[in-house]
Amino acid sequence: MVGVLRFTEEQIKRYSRHIILPQVGGRGQRKLLSSSILLIGAGGLGSPAALYLAAAGVGKLGIVDFDVVDLSNLHRQLLHHGHDIGKPKVQSAAETIYDINPDVQVVQHQVHLTSENAMDIISDYDVVVDGSDNFPTRYLVNDACFFAKKPNVHGSIFMFEGQAAVFLPERGCYRCLYPNPPPPGMVPSCAEAGVLGVLPGIIGSIQAIEAVKLVLGIGESLAGRLLIFDALTMEFRQVKLRRDLSCPLCGDNPTVKELIDYEAFCGVQPAHR
């Protein structure tokens, strides 16, 4: 399928800077146009990731978000604009993406991701980009990606610091990095602690790069590494990650063999559905 997809004249112009790259070329651009990527969240991290993945020509972008656009989102969530306040974020995102690149099919999943629907949604995509902002969803996405054998491009932000990693089923998972969630209330949310508005642009863009590299099969991914960015000192550092042999999910003797109740696991109240 990738080999027979013919470019239109408009696509040749649109993707010309990709096509002239030896590592991408026409074949790589066809891979992108035939690929599907799922974004968990259309917020701070999902916004830059969605914008760049759409511009790159990813053929199918799924977006999972059950929230609506609020004025407090606009200082960092660039998918949305003032006239979108009150709209479902998936709708606002789809409209923005279509303006950037009408080649992209946007699938709107206006739902709360749960253990009941995660496998059905995630299984339809090649790569998952996790821009969620809470621990229950991160563990849920991690476990569902492991069971579905999908790459999980993880990102997180807090105040002035961000992290990014890629979890592949055979090379460790989020549970290897964080075996247990922090006690409830120990880590404040962005709404409680604040976040520098530009920061998610950096981390979300890194997630988009990693997703594109995975689709194209080029370069060296962040699998096996945690990339940490400090905006105040403008420093990047890396921590090596290894599969934890005792990991309850991907270890040698796993105890987590199906999706669980992640709110209960993280000790938080169930999210509004």
C-alpha atoms as a PDB file:
ATOM      1  CA  MET A   1       0.000   0.000   0.000  1.00  0.00           C
ATOM      2  CA  VAL A   2       2.797   2.415   0.931  1.00  0.00           C
ATOM      3  CA  GLY A   3       4.553   1.812  -2.377  1.00  0.00           C
ATOM      4  CA  VAL A   4       1.564   2.520  -4.632  1.00  0.00           C
ATOM      5  CA  LEU A   5       0.201   5.680  -3.013  1.00  0.00           C
ATOM      6  CA  ARG A   6       0.587   8.473  -5.563  1.00  0.00           C
ATOM      7  CA  PHE A   7       1.188  12.061  -4.518  1.00  0.00           C
ATOM      8  CA  THR A   8      -0.955  14.873  -5.850  1.00  0.00           C
ATOM      9  CA  GLU A   9       0.794  18.037  -7.030  1.00  0.00           C
ATOM     10  CA  GLU A  10      -0.343  19.778  -3.858  1.00  0.00           C
ATOM     11  CA  GLN A  11       1.139  17.002  -1.697  1.00  0.00           C
ATOM     12  CA  ILE A  12       4.458  17.180  -3.535  1.00  0.00           C
ATOM     13  CA  LYS A  13       4.625  20.888  -2.672  1.00  0.00           C
ATOM     14  CA  ARG A  14       3.344  20.428   0.874  1.00  0.00           C
ATOM     15  CA  TYR A  15       5.800  17.673   1.790  1.00  0.00           C
ATOM     16  CA  SER A  16       8.711  18.754  -0.423  1.00  0.00           C
ATOM     17  CA  ARG A  17      11.043  19.417   2.540  1.00  0.00           C
ATOM     18  CA  HIS A  18      10.399  15.899   3.776  1.00  0.00           C
ATOM     19  CA  ILE A  19      10.738  14.285   0.383  1.00  0.00           C
ATOM     20  CA  ILE A  20      14.180  15.770  -0.257  1.00  0.00           C
ATOM     21  CA  LEU A  21      15.501  14.327   3.011  1.00  0.00           C
ATOM     22  CA  PRO A  22      17.354  11.085   2.182  1.00  0.00           C
ATOM     23  CA  GLN A  23      16.128   9.533   5.462  1.00  0.00           C
ATOM     24  CA  VAL A  24      12.492  10.234   4.524  1.00  0.00           C
ATOM     25  CA  GLY A  25      12.018  10.614   0.776  1.00  0.00           C
ATOM     26  CA  GLY A  26       8.863   9.667  -1.064  1.00  0.00           C
ATOM     27  CA  ARG A  27       8.685   6.254   0.553  1.00  0.00           C
ATOM     28  CA  GLY A  28       8.881   7.708   4.054  1.00  0.00           C
ATOM     29  CA  GLN A  29       6.226  10.297   3.303  1.00  0.00           C
ATOM     30  CA  ARG A  30       3.962   7.542   2.032  1.00  0.00           C
ATOM     31  CA  LYS A  31       4.524   5.718   5.328  1.00  0.00           C
ATOM     32  CA  LEU A  32       3.406   8.819   7.211  1.00  0.00           C
ATOM     33  CA  LEU A  33       0.325   9.250   5.036  1.00  0.00           C
ATOM     34  CA  SER A  34      -0.566   5.601   5.652  1.00  0.00           C
ATOM     35  CA  SER A  35       0.101   5.721   9.397  1.00  0.00           C
ATOM     36  CA  SER A  36      -2.218   6.181  12.357  1.00  0.00           C
ATOM     37  CA  ILE A  37      -1.313   7.818  15.666  1.00  0.00           C
ATOM     38  CA  LEU A  38      -3.476   8.144  18.768  1.00  0.00           C
ATOM     39  CA  LEU A  39      -3.120  11.215  20.999  1.00  0.00           C
ATOM     40  CA  ILE A  40      -4.191  10.825  24.608  1.00  0.00           C
ATOM     41  CA  GLY A  41      -5.269  14.332  25.499  1.00  0.00           C
ATOM     42  CA  ALA A  42      -5.766  17.493  23.450  1.00  0.00           C
ATOM     43  CA  GLY A  43      -4.197  19.738  26.058  1.00  0.00           C
ATOM     44  CA  GLY A  44      -0.737  21.147  26.702  1.00  0.00           C
ATOM     45  CA  LEU A  45       1.240  18.187  25.337  1.00  0.00           C
ATOM     46  CA  GLY A  46      -1.337  17.015  22.830  1.00  0.00           C
ATOM     47  CA  SER A  47      -1.516  20.441  21.195  1.00  0.00           C
ATOM     48  CA  PRO A  48       2.043  20.716  19.819  1.00  0.00           C
ATOM     49  CA  ALA A  49       2.151  16.990  19.119  1.00  0.00           C
ATOM     50  CA  ALA A  50      -1.082  17.176  17.108  1.00  0.00           C
ATOM     51  CA  LEU A  51      -0.019  20.293  15.203  1.00  0.00           C
ATOM     52  CA  TYR A  52       3.302  18.827  14.098  1.00  0.00           C
ATOM     53  CA  LEU A  53       1.986  15.345  13.373  1.00  0.00           C
ATOM     54  CA  ALA A  54      -0.785  16.834  11.244  1.00  0.00           C
ATOM     55  CA  ALA A  55       1.653  19.082   9.405  1.00  0.00           C
ATOM     56  CA  ALA A  56       3.952  16.091   8.833  1.00  0.00           C
ATOM     57  CA  GLY A  57       1.156  14.288   7.024  1.00  0.00           C
ATOM     58  CA  VAL A  58       0.195  11.525   9.437  1.00  0.00           C
ATOM     59  CA  GLY A  59      -2.808  10.032   7.682  1.00  0.00           C
ATOM     60  CA  LYS A  60      -5.001   9.310  10.696  1.00  0.00           C
ATOM     61  CA  LEU A  61      -4.914  11.114  14.024  1.00  0.00           C
ATOM     62  CA  GLY A  62      -7.113   9.878  16.825  1.00  0.00           C
ATOM     63  CA  ILE A  63      -7.685  12.232  19.752  1.00  0.00           C
ATOM     64  CA  VAL A  64      -9.009  11.091  23.123  1.00  0.00           C
ATOM     65  CA  ASP A  65     -10.337  13.877  25.348  1.00  0.00           C
ATOM     66  CA  PHE A  66     -13.656  14.326  27.150  1.00  0.00           C
ATOM     67  CA  ASP A  67     -13.032  17.934  28.290  1.00  0.00           C
ATOM     68  CA  VAL A  68     -14.174  21.270  26.848  1.00  0.00           C
ATOM     69  CA  VAL A  69     -12.034  24.318  26.057  1.00  0.00           C
ATOM     70  CA  ASP A  70     -11.630  26.753  28.955  1.00  0.00           C
ATOM     71  CA  LEU A  71     -10.049  30.216  29.014  1.00  0.00           C
ATOM     72  CA  SER A  72      -7.341  28.935  31.383  1.00  0.00           C
ATOM     73  CA  ASN A  73      -6.209  26.453  28.692  1.00  0.00           C
ATOM     74  CA  LEU A  74      -5.250  29.039  26.105  1.00  0.00           C
ATOM     75  CA  HIS A  75      -1.847  30.058  27.487  1.00  0.00           C
ATOM     76  CA  ARG A  76      -0.425  26.652  26.547  1.00  0.00           C
ATOM     77  CA  GLN A  77      -2.965  24.592  24.541  1.00  0.00           C
ATOM     78  CA  LEU A  78      -2.379  25.992  21.062  1.00  0.00           C
ATOM     79  CA  LEU A  79      -4.855  23.701  19.323  1.00  0.00           C
ATOM     80  CA  HIS A  80      -7.595  25.920  20.721  1.00  0.00           C
ATOM     81  CA  HIS A  81      -8.541  29.580  20.292  1.00  0.00           C
ATOM     82  CA  GLY A  82     -10.714  32.140  22.022  1.00  0.00           C
ATOM     83  CA  HIS A  83     -13.718  31.362  19.842  1.00  0.00           C
ATOM     84  CA  ASP A  84     -13.445  27.688  20.854  1.00  0.00           C
ATOM     85  CA  ILE A  85     -14.199  28.277  24.544  1.00  0.00           C
ATOM     86  CA  GLY A  86     -16.958  25.905  25.578  1.00  0.00           C
ATOM     87  CA  LYS A  87     -16.430  23.536  22.634  1.00  0.00           C
ATOM     88  CA  PRO A  88     -15.373  19.926  23.128  1.00  0.00           C
ATOM     89  CA  LYS A  89     -11.599  19.826  22.793  1.00  0.00           C
ATOM     90  CA  VAL A  90     -11.757  17.027  20.233  1.00  0.00           C
ATOM     91  CA  GLN A  91     -13.967  19.178  17.994  1.00  0.00           C
ATOM     92  CA  SER A  92     -11.771  22.255  18.373  1.00  0.00           C
ATOM     93  CA  ALA A  93      -8.679  20.121  17.681  1.00  0.00           C
ATOM     94  CA  ALA A  94     -10.218  18.588  14.567  1.00  0.00           C
ATOM     95  CA  GLU A  95     -11.102  22.008  13.153  1.00  0.00           C
ATOM     96  CA  THR A  96      -7.579  23.353  13.750  1.00  0.00           C
ATOM     97  CA  ILE A  97      -5.932  20.270  12.277  1.00  0.00           C
ATOM     98  CA  TYR A  98      -8.088  20.407   9.165  1.00  0.00           C
ATOM     99  CA  ASP A  99      -7.004  24.023   8.605  1.00  0.00           C
ATOM    100  CA  ILE A 100      -3.369  22.916   8.818  1.00  0.00           C
ATOM    101  CA  ASN A 101      -3.650  19.841   6.621  1.00  0.00           C
ATOM    102  CA  PRO A 102      -6.853  18.530   5.038  1.00  0.00           C
ATOM    103  CA  ASP A 103      -5.030  15.278   4.189  1.00  0.00           C
ATOM    104  CA  VAL A 104      -5.370  14.207   7.824  1.00  0.00           C
ATOM    105  CA  GLN A 105      -8.333  12.137   8.991  1.00  0.00           C
ATOM    106  CA  VAL A 106      -9.142  13.121  12.573  1.00  0.00           C
ATOM    107  CA  VAL A 107     -11.024  10.590  14.679  1.00  0.00           C
ATOM    108  CA  GLN A 108     -12.694  12.234  17.667  1.00  0.00           C
ATOM    109  CA  HIS A 109     -12.899  10.075  20.791  1.00  0.00           C
ATOM    110  CA  GLN A 110     -14.860  12.312  23.147  1.00  0.00           C
ATOM    111  CA  VAL A 111     -14.738   9.829  25.984  1.00  0.00           C
ATOM    112  CA  HIS A 112     -13.027   9.268  29.281  1.00  0.00           C
ATOM    113  CA  LEU A 113     -10.416   6.575  28.638  1.00  0.00           C
ATOM    114  CA  THR A 114     -11.173   3.609  30.889  1.00  0.00           C
ATOM    115  CA  SER A 115     -10.284  -0.031  31.318  1.00  0.00           C
ATOM    116  CA  GLU A 116     -13.493  -0.843  29.453  1.00  0.00           C
ATOM    117  CA  ASN A 117     -12.713   1.085  26.247  1.00  0.00           C
ATOM    118  CA  ALA A 118      -8.928   1.496  26.148  1.00  0.00           C
ATOM    119  CA  MET A 119      -8.083  -1.705  24.280  1.00  0.00           C
ATOM    120  CA  ASP A 120     -10.723  -1.113  21.610  1.00  0.00           C
ATOM    121  CA  ILE A 121      -9.474   2.431  20.980  1.00  0.00           C
ATOM    122  CA  ILE A 122      -5.714   1.841  21.172  1.00  0.00           C
ATOM    123  CA  SER A 123      -5.758  -1.297  19.019  1.00  0.00           C
ATOM    124  CA  ASP A 124      -6.762   0.737  15.953  1.00  0.00           C
ATOM    125  CA  TYR A 125      -3.529   2.798  15.890  1.00  0.00           C
ATOM    126  CA  ASP A 126       0.141   2.236  15.098  1.00  0.00           C
ATOM    127  CA  VAL A 127       1.610   4.513  17.790  1.00  0.00           C
ATOM    128  CA  VAL A 128       0.215   6.061  20.979  1.00  0.00           C
ATOM    129  CA  VAL A 129       1.324   9.504  22.188  1.00  0.00           C
ATOM    130  CA  ASP A 130       0.415   9.929  25.849  1.00  0.00           C
ATOM    131  CA  GLY A 131      -0.097  13.558  26.843  1.00  0.00           C
ATOM    132  CA  SER A 132      -2.334  12.796  29.826  1.00  0.00           C
ATOM    133  CA  ASP A 133      -2.033  14.829  33.015  1.00  0.00           C
ATOM    134  CA  ASN A 134      -2.910  12.296  35.707  1.00  0.00           C
ATOM    135  CA  PHE A 135      -1.468   9.083  37.074  1.00  0.00           C
ATOM    136  CA  PRO A 136      -4.469   6.754  36.574  1.00  0.00           C
ATOM    137  CA  THR A 137      -4.504   7.509  32.838  1.00  0.00           C
ATOM    138  CA  ARG A 138      -0.729   7.115  32.494  1.00  0.00           C
ATOM    139  CA  TYR A 139      -0.793   3.665  34.080  1.00  0.00           C
ATOM    140  CA  LEU A 140      -3.853   2.712  32.029  1.00  0.00           C
ATOM    141  CA  VAL A 141      -2.227   3.827  28.758  1.00  0.00           C
ATOM    142  CA  ASN A 142       0.992   2.048  29.693  1.00  0.00           C
ATOM    143  CA  ASP A 143      -0.728  -1.246  30.419  1.00  0.00           C
ATOM    144  CA  ALA A 144      -3.050  -1.078  27.410  1.00  0.00           C
ATOM    145  CA  CYS A 145      -0.110  -0.329  25.076  1.00  0.00           C
ATOM    146  CA  PHE A 146       1.782  -3.284  26.516  1.00  0.00           C
ATOM    147  CA  PHE A 147      -1.117  -5.675  25.987  1.00  0.00           C
ATOM    148  CA  ALA A 148      -1.810  -4.283  22.493  1.00  0.00           C
ATOM    149  CA  LYS A 149       1.924  -4.299  21.628  1.00  0.00           C
ATOM    150  CA  LYS A 150       1.881  -0.607  20.693  1.00  0.00           C
ATOM    151  CA  PRO A 151       4.714   1.909  21.211  1.00  0.00           C
ATOM    152  CA  ASN A 152       3.907   4.372  24.000  1.00  0.00           C
ATOM    153  CA  VAL A 153       5.459   7.835  23.541  1.00  0.00           C
ATOM    154  CA  HIS A 154       5.258   9.275  27.032  1.00  0.00           C
ATOM    155  CA  GLY A 155       5.487  12.913  28.080  1.00  0.00           C
ATOM    156  CA  SER A 156       4.865  14.799  31.301  1.00  0.00           C
ATOM    157  CA  ILE A 157       5.305  18.360  32.566  1.00  0.00           C
ATOM    158  CA  PHE A 158       5.380  20.048  35.964  1.00  0.00           C
ATOM    159  CA  MET A 159       5.991  23.735  36.610  1.00  0.00           C
ATOM    160  CA  PHE A 160       9.340  24.254  34.780  1.00  0.00           C
ATOM    161  CA  GLU A 161      10.375  20.648  34.131  1.00  0.00           C
ATOM    162  CA  GLY A 162       9.376  18.111  31.514  1.00  0.00           C
ATOM    163  CA  GLN A 163      10.103  14.463  30.771  1.00  0.00           C
ATOM    164  CA  ALA A 164       9.832  12.295  27.680  1.00  0.00           C
ATOM    165  CA  ALA A 165      10.401   8.597  27.018  1.00  0.00           C
ATOM    166  CA  VAL A 166       9.400   5.826  24.637  1.00  0.00           C
ATOM    167  CA  PHE A 167       8.172   2.542  26.066  1.00  0.00           C
ATOM    168  CA  LEU A 168       8.304  -0.532  23.843  1.00  0.00           C
ATOM    169  CA  PRO A 169       6.857  -3.822  25.157  1.00  0.00           C
ATOM    170  CA  GLU A 170      10.177  -5.643  24.969  1.00  0.00           C
ATOM    171  CA  ARG A 171      12.234  -2.774  26.437  1.00  0.00           C
ATOM    172  CA  GLY A 172      10.484  -1.815  29.651  1.00  0.00           C
ATOM    173  CA  CYS A 173       7.431   0.233  30.531  1.00  0.00           C
ATOM    174  CA  TYR A 174       6.192   3.112  32.670  1.00  0.00           C
ATOM    175  CA  ARG A 175       5.864   0.747  35.628  1.00  0.00           C
ATOM    176  CA  CYS A 176       9.588  -0.043  35.407  1.00  0.00           C
ATOM    177  CA  LEU A 177      10.240   3.680  35.898  1.00  0.00           C
ATOM    178  CA  TYR A 178       7.487   4.302  38.457  1.00  0.00           C
ATOM    179  CA  PRO A 179       6.436   0.989  40.049  1.00  0.00           C
ATOM    180  CA  ASN A 180       3.904   2.717  42.282  1.00  0.00           C
ATOM    181  CA  PRO A 181       1.995   5.990  41.987  1.00  0.00           C
ATOM    182  CA  PRO A 182       2.722   8.725  44.523  1.00  0.00           C
ATOM    183  CA  PRO A 183       0.371   8.990  47.506  1.00  0.00           C
ATOM    184  CA  PRO A 184      -2.775  10.983  46.678  1.00  0.00           C
ATOM    185  CA  GLY A 185      -2.191  14.722  47.042  1.00  0.00           C
ATOM    186  CA  MET A 186       1.611  14.495  47.163  1.00  0.00           C
ATOM    187  CA  VAL A 187       2.108  15.706  43.570  1.00  0.00           C
ATOM    188  CA  PRO A 188      -0.056  18.762  42.815  1.00  0.00           C
ATOM    189  CA  SER A 189      -1.651  19.115  39.400  1.00  0.00           C
ATOM    190  CA  CYS A 190      -0.814  21.911  36.960  1.00  0.00           C
ATOM    191  CA  ALA A 191      -4.024  23.615  38.082  1.00  0.00           C
ATOM    192  CA  GLU A 192      -2.658  23.617  41.643  1.00  0.00           C
ATOM    193  CA  ALA A 193       1.066  24.240  41.058  1.00  0.00           C
ATOM    194  CA  GLY A 194       1.064  26.033  37.698  1.00  0.00           C
ATOM    195  CA  VAL A 195       3.071  25.362  34.551  1.00  0.00           C
ATOM    196  CA  LEU A 196       5.172  27.561  32.261  1.00  0.00           C
ATOM    197  CA  GLY A 197       3.051  27.920  29.139  1.00  0.00           C
ATOM    198  CA  VAL A 198       5.921  27.312  26.693  1.00  0.00           C
ATOM    199  CA  LEU A 199       7.121  24.126  28.409  1.00  0.00           C
ATOM    200  CA  PRO A 200       4.564  21.707  26.906  1.00  0.00           C
ATOM    201  CA  GLY A 201       5.537  23.038  23.475  1.00  0.00           C
ATOM    202  CA  ILE A 202       9.030  21.623  24.002  1.00  0.00           C
ATOM    203  CA  ILE A 203       7.982  18.237  25.392  1.00  0.00           C
ATOM    204  CA  GLY A 204       5.035  17.774  23.038  1.00  0.00           C
ATOM    205  CA  SER A 205       7.280  18.522  20.063  1.00  0.00           C
ATOM    206  CA  ILE A 206       9.756  15.903  21.297  1.00  0.00           C
ATOM    207  CA  GLN A 207       6.907  13.411  21.492  1.00  0.00           C
ATOM    208  CA  ALA A 208       5.941  14.251  17.903  1.00  0.00           C
ATOM    209  CA  ILE A 209       9.537  13.705  16.738  1.00  0.00           C
ATOM    210  CA  GLU A 210       9.666  10.331  18.460  1.00  0.00           C
ATOM    211  CA  ALA A 211       6.339   9.263  16.950  1.00  0.00           C
ATOM    212  CA  VAL A 212       7.476  10.246  13.433  1.00  0.00           C
ATOM    213  CA  LYS A 213      10.768   8.382  13.880  1.00  0.00           C
ATOM    214  CA  LEU A 214       8.893   5.263  14.977  1.00  0.00           C
ATOM    215  CA  VAL A 215       6.640   5.410  11.913  1.00  0.00           C
ATOM    216  CA  LEU A 216       9.592   5.966   9.569  1.00  0.00           C
ATOM    217  CA  GLY A 217      11.871   3.470  11.311  1.00  0.00           C
ATOM    218  CA  ILE A 218      14.762   5.952  11.431  1.00  0.00           C
ATOM    219  CA  GLY A 219      17.179   7.210  14.049  1.00  0.00           C
ATOM    220  CA  GLU A 220      17.472   6.089  17.649  1.00  0.00           C
ATOM    221  CA  SER A 221      14.335   6.399  19.740  1.00  0.00           C
ATOM    222  CA  LEU A 222      14.119   7.298  23.414  1.00  0.00           C
ATOM    223  CA  ALA A 223      13.407   3.651  24.237  1.00  0.00           C
ATOM    224  CA  GLY A 224      15.617   2.797  27.204  1.00  0.00           C
ATOM    225  CA  ARG A 225      16.129   6.451  28.085  1.00  0.00           C
ATOM    226  CA  LEU A 226      14.296   9.127  30.068  1.00  0.00           C
ATOM    227  CA  LEU A 227      14.905  12.634  28.729  1.00  0.00           C
ATOM    228  CA  ILE A 228      14.548  15.361  31.367  1.00  0.00           C
ATOM    229  CA  PHE A 229      14.342  19.055  30.490  1.00  0.00           C
ATOM    230  CA  ASP A 230      14.747  21.928  32.959  1.00  0.00           C
ATOM    231  CA  ALA A 231      13.458  25.176  31.467  1.00  0.00           C
ATOM    232  CA  LEU A 232      14.996  27.360  34.190  1.00  0.00           C
ATOM    233  CA  THR A 233      18.555  26.165  33.567  1.00  0.00           C
ATOM    234  CA  MET A 234      17.931  25.268  29.895  1.00  0.00           C
ATOM    235  CA  GLU A 235      19.504  21.852  30.444  1.00  0.00           C
ATOM    236  CA  PHE A 236      18.675  18.441  29.043  1.00  0.00           C
ATOM    237  CA  ARG A 237      19.841  15.312  30.812  1.00  0.00           C
ATOM    238  CA  GLN A 238      19.207  11.619  30.294  1.00  0.00           C
ATOM    239  CA  VAL A 239      18.670   8.705  32.611  1.00  0.00           C
ATOM    240  CA  LYS A 240      19.089   5.160  31.326  1.00  0.00           C
ATOM    241  CA  LEU A 241      16.051   2.934  31.716  1.00  0.00           C
ATOM    242  CA  ARG A 242      16.035  -0.852  31.786  1.00  0.00           C
ATOM    243  CA  ARG A 243      13.281  -3.371  31.889  1.00  0.00           C
ATOM    244  CA  ASP A 244      12.708  -4.263  35.520  1.00  0.00           C
ATOM    245  CA  LEU A 245      12.812  -8.049  35.789  1.00  0.00           C
ATOM    246  CA  SER A 246      10.441  -7.791  38.750  1.00  0.00           C
ATOM    247  CA  CYS A 247       8.020  -5.429  37.002  1.00  0.00           C
ATOM    248  CA  PRO A 248       4.450  -6.619  37.653  1.00  0.00           C
ATOM    249  CA  LEU A 249       3.550  -5.965  34.006  1.00  0.00           C
ATOM    250  CA  CYS A 250       6.545  -6.656  31.753  1.00  0.00           C
ATOM    251  CA  GLY A 251       8.823  -8.526  34.169  1.00  0.00           C
ATOM    252  CA  ASP A 252       9.706 -12.206  34.168  1.00  0.00           C
ATOM    253  CA  ASN A 253       6.831 -13.148  36.489  1.00  0.00           C
ATOM    254  CA  PRO A 254       4.041 -10.668  35.757  1.00  0.00           C
ATOM    255  CA  THR A 255       1.099 -10.314  38.113  1.00  0.00           C
ATOM    256  CA  VAL A 256      -0.805  -7.688  36.084  1.00  0.00           C
ATOM    257  CA  LYS A 257      -2.379  -9.697  33.277  1.00  0.00           C
ATOM    258  CA  GLU A 258      -5.330  -7.487  32.380  1.00  0.00           C
ATOM    259  CA  LEU A 259      -6.448  -3.890  32.769  1.00  0.00           C
ATOM    260  CA  ILE A 260      -7.399  -2.984  36.330  1.00  0.00           C
ATOM    261  CA  ASP A 261      -9.197  -0.209  38.234  1.00  0.00           C
ATOM    262  CA  TYR A 262      -6.606   2.549  37.884  1.00  0.00           C
ATOM    263  CA  GLU A 263      -8.358   5.130  40.064  1.00  0.00           C
ATOM    264  CA  ALA A 264      -8.337   2.604  42.893  1.00  0.00           C
ATOM    265  CA  PHE A 265      -4.703   1.692  42.137  1.00  0.00           C
ATOM    266  CA  CYS A 266      -3.700   5.355  42.390  1.00  0.00           C
ATOM    267  CA  GLY A 267      -5.957   6.018  45.364  1.00  0.00           C
ATOM    268  CA  VAL A 268      -7.949   8.807  43.697  1.00  0.00           C
ATOM    269  CA  GLN A 269     -11.635   9.506  43.317  1.00  0.00           C
ATOM    270  CA  PRO A 270     -13.164   8.239  40.049  1.00  0.00           C
ATOM    271  CA  ALA A 271     -13.100  10.883  37.314  1.00  0.00           C
ATOM    272  CA  HIS A 272     -16.353  12.405  36.142  1.00  0.00           C
ATOM    273  CA  ARG A 273     -17.720  10.549  33.155  1.00  0.00           C
END
